[in-house]
Each structure stands twice: as structure tokens, then as C-alpha cells.
Protein backbone atom coordinates (compact mmCIF):
# COMPACT_ATOMS: atom_id res chain seq x y z
CA MET A 1 12.44 17.51 6.31
CA THR A 2 10.51 19.28 9.02
CA GLN A 3 7.06 18.04 9.94
CA ARG A 4 4.47 20.74 9.28
CA LEU A 5 2.02 19.59 11.93
CA ASP A 6 1.23 16.49 13.97
CA TYR A 7 -2.07 15.50 12.37
CA SER A 8 -2.33 12.33 14.46
CA GLN A 9 -2.66 14.49 17.58
CA ILE A 10 -4.56 17.42 16.07
CA ALA A 11 -7.18 15.22 14.36
CA ALA A 12 -7.05 12.23 16.70
CA GLY A 13 -10.67 11.26 15.97
CA GLY A 14 -10.09 11.14 12.25
CA MET A 15 -6.91 9.13 12.67
CA LYS A 16 -8.75 6.74 15.00
CA ALA A 17 -11.38 6.25 12.30
CA LEU A 18 -8.68 5.46 9.71
CA GLY A 19 -7.10 3.16 12.28
CA GLY A 20 -10.40 1.28 12.49
CA VAL A 21 -10.16 0.54 8.78
CA HIS A 22 -6.58 -0.65 9.33
CA VAL A 23 -7.78 -3.00 12.10
CA TYR A 24 -10.50 -4.33 9.78
CA LEU A 25 -7.92 -5.03 7.07
CA ASN A 26 -5.73 -6.93 9.54
CA GLN A 27 -8.67 -9.26 10.16
CA CYS A 28 -10.20 -9.44 6.67
CA GLY A 29 -8.50 -12.66 5.55
CA LEU A 30 -5.96 -11.24 3.09
CA SER A 31 -2.41 -12.10 4.10
CA LYS A 32 -0.48 -9.41 5.98
CA SER A 33 2.41 -9.79 3.55
CA LEU A 34 0.16 -9.17 0.53
CA ILE A 35 -1.40 -6.11 2.16
CA ASP A 36 2.03 -4.76 3.14
CA LEU A 37 3.29 -5.35 -0.41
CA VAL A 38 0.37 -3.34 -1.77
CA TYR A 39 0.89 -0.62 0.84
CA LEU A 40 4.52 -0.36 -0.24
CA ARG A 41 3.70 -0.16 -3.97
CA VAL A 42 1.03 2.49 -3.45
CA SER A 43 3.46 4.51 -1.32
CA GLN A 44 6.15 4.21 -4.00
CA ILE A 45 3.78 5.51 -6.67
CA ASN A 46 2.77 8.43 -4.46
CA GLY A 47 6.34 9.17 -3.40
CA CYS A 48 5.63 8.89 0.32
CA ALA A 49 9.02 8.49 2.04
CA TYR A 50 7.46 7.97 5.48
CA CYS A 51 5.25 5.09 4.29
CA ILE A 52 7.90 3.54 2.03
CA ASP A 53 10.22 3.39 5.04
CA LEU A 54 7.49 2.01 7.32
CA HIS A 55 6.21 -0.70 4.97
CA SER A 56 9.67 -1.76 3.83
CA ARG A 57 10.53 -2.34 7.49
CA ASP A 58 7.27 -4.26 8.03
CA LEU A 59 7.95 -6.50 5.03
CA ILE A 60 11.52 -7.21 6.12
CA LYS A 61 10.34 -7.95 9.66
CA GLY A 62 7.75 -10.31 8.12
CA GLY A 63 10.48 -12.24 6.34
CA LEU A 64 10.41 -10.78 2.83
CA ALA A 65 13.79 -11.21 1.14
CA ILE A 66 15.66 -8.01 0.35
CA GLU A 67 16.04 -9.23 -3.26
CA LYS A 68 12.26 -9.24 -3.63
CA LEU A 69 11.77 -5.98 -1.75
CA VAL A 70 14.04 -4.00 -4.05
CA LEU A 71 12.20 -5.30 -7.11
CA VAL A 72 8.72 -4.19 -6.00
CA PRO A 73 8.79 -1.06 -8.23
CA VAL A 74 9.56 -3.29 -11.25
CA TRP A 75 7.60 -6.37 -10.22
CA HIS A 76 6.41 -6.91 -13.81
CA GLU A 77 10.04 -7.46 -14.86
CA ALA A 78 10.91 -9.81 -11.97
CA GLY A 79 9.87 -13.07 -13.60
CA ASP A 80 8.48 -15.61 -11.17
CA LEU A 81 9.75 -13.82 -8.05
CA PHE A 82 6.20 -12.59 -7.42
CA SER A 83 3.25 -15.00 -7.39
CA GLU A 84 0.41 -14.55 -9.88
CA GLN A 85 -1.81 -13.29 -7.06
CA GLU A 86 0.84 -10.77 -5.97
CA LYS A 87 1.24 -9.58 -9.56
CA ALA A 88 -2.52 -9.13 -9.89
CA ALA A 89 -2.66 -7.21 -6.58
CA LEU A 90 0.26 -4.97 -7.53
CA ALA A 91 -1.24 -4.23 -10.96
CA TRP A 92 -4.58 -3.42 -9.30
CA ALA A 93 -2.82 -1.17 -6.77
CA GLU A 94 -1.19 0.73 -9.62
CA THR A 95 -4.33 1.24 -11.68
CA VAL A 96 -6.49 2.19 -8.68
CA THR A 97 -3.85 4.58 -7.29
CA ARG A 98 -3.56 6.25 -10.70
CA VAL A 99 -7.35 6.39 -11.13
CA ALA A 100 -7.28 9.89 -12.66
CA GLN A 101 -5.06 8.64 -15.48
CA THR A 102 -6.31 5.05 -15.88
CA ASN A 103 -10.03 5.28 -15.14
CA VAL A 104 -9.50 1.68 -13.90
CA PRO A 105 -10.27 -0.17 -17.15
CA ASP A 106 -12.39 -3.32 -17.39
CA THR A 107 -9.38 -5.36 -18.48
CA ASP A 108 -7.55 -4.51 -15.24
CA PHE A 109 -10.63 -5.50 -13.24
CA GLN A 110 -10.97 -8.79 -15.10
CA ILE A 111 -7.32 -9.68 -14.46
CA VAL A 112 -7.48 -9.03 -10.72
CA ALA A 113 -10.93 -10.64 -10.38
CA ALA A 114 -9.46 -13.90 -11.68
CA HIS A 115 -7.20 -14.08 -8.60
CA PHE A 116 -9.46 -12.89 -5.78
CA THR A 117 -12.98 -13.53 -4.53
CA GLU A 118 -15.36 -10.57 -4.60
CA LYS A 119 -14.82 -9.95 -0.88
CA GLU A 120 -11.05 -10.22 -1.21
CA LEU A 121 -11.13 -7.78 -4.12
CA ALA A 122 -13.25 -5.32 -2.16
CA ASP A 123 -10.87 -5.64 0.81
CA LEU A 124 -7.83 -5.22 -1.43
CA THR A 125 -9.34 -2.05 -2.87
CA ILE A 126 -10.09 -0.76 0.63
CA ALA A 127 -6.41 -1.37 1.51
CA ILE A 128 -5.27 0.54 -1.59
CA SER A 129 -7.65 3.39 -0.77
CA LEU A 130 -6.54 3.53 2.86
CA MET A 131 -2.88 3.73 1.90
CA ASN A 132 -3.61 6.49 -0.60
CA ALA A 133 -5.28 8.44 2.24
CA TYR A 134 -2.37 7.84 4.62
CA ASN A 135 0.11 8.86 1.90
CA ARG A 136 -1.69 12.12 1.31
CA LEU A 137 -1.57 12.93 5.02
CA ALA A 138 2.09 11.99 5.45
CA ILE A 139 3.21 13.86 2.33
CA SER A 140 1.08 16.96 2.99
CA PHE A 141 2.29 17.35 6.55
CA ARG A 142 5.87 16.10 5.92
CA SER A 143 5.97 13.10 8.24
CA THR A 144 9.61 12.20 8.85
CA PRO A 145 10.64 8.64 7.91
CA ALA A 146 12.19 6.62 10.75
CA ALA A 147 15.39 6.27 8.72
CA ALA A 148 15.78 10.06 8.64
CA LYS A 149 15.43 10.26 12.41
CA SER A 150 18.27 7.81 13.09
């Protein structure tokens, strides 16, 4: 895959603004592992090779077991491998990412709201939205995954 353009250099101000949201999320109180898990699932749904590679590496570096990592796409079939909070976050990530198809139903909101405070839920949704934006940039401009550069 050949990168179409280097958007991080061409639109440095815009990328810095997105980076500010990323910094906020790192300090918002949600665990890094939960945010990275959500980033990975959103990227899987969107088919973003660059971000799947990046967030898989981050999760492994953070200590996530490979057995759990490979089951992220089918988390709902993984029994107790994922905590109830992780399951709620992953389900929310899926429904919010697929907003055009799901319209984010009340039942999905009620399920996730049972596991997060209002602020945590707002921050989780910001994380999902940020990753959707990053995925659209990386896919549109063909960012090369680190694994493909090796």
C-alpha cells in the first residue's frame, strides 16, 4: 500500500487539535487499557489496518494477553474473558461506530450507562468518535501499518 499523502504534515494544525483530544483522553480517568481496547474494536469495524496494528501493539505492550487480543472481534462469544465493563464499552463502541445503521438505540445506552458514570460515558464516546476520525484519515490517505514496513 502506498500512502497517498502525509496528512500529519500537510494539516499539522488539525492533527495537533486531534492530538489535544487524545491528550485529554489520556487524563480523563478511564483506564488506558479500556481506551485502547475500544480504539482497537472501532478500528476493526472500520477496517483500518494502520490503527489495528498500532492499537494491537499498544495493548500487547500494556500487558494484554494474546489470547484476549485475538478474541476482541468476537468479545461477545468469549465468556468471562472480558469484564462486564469491557463488554459494555465494546458494545457501545460498536453501536456508536455503526451509527448510520443502529441509530444508537435506547437499550444500548441503558446497558452502557449501567457500567459508567455520566462523565465516563461522555469520555468513552469521545474516544470512540476520535478513533473513528483517525480511522477515516488513515484509510483515506492509505497510512502504512508498521507491520507492513518491517
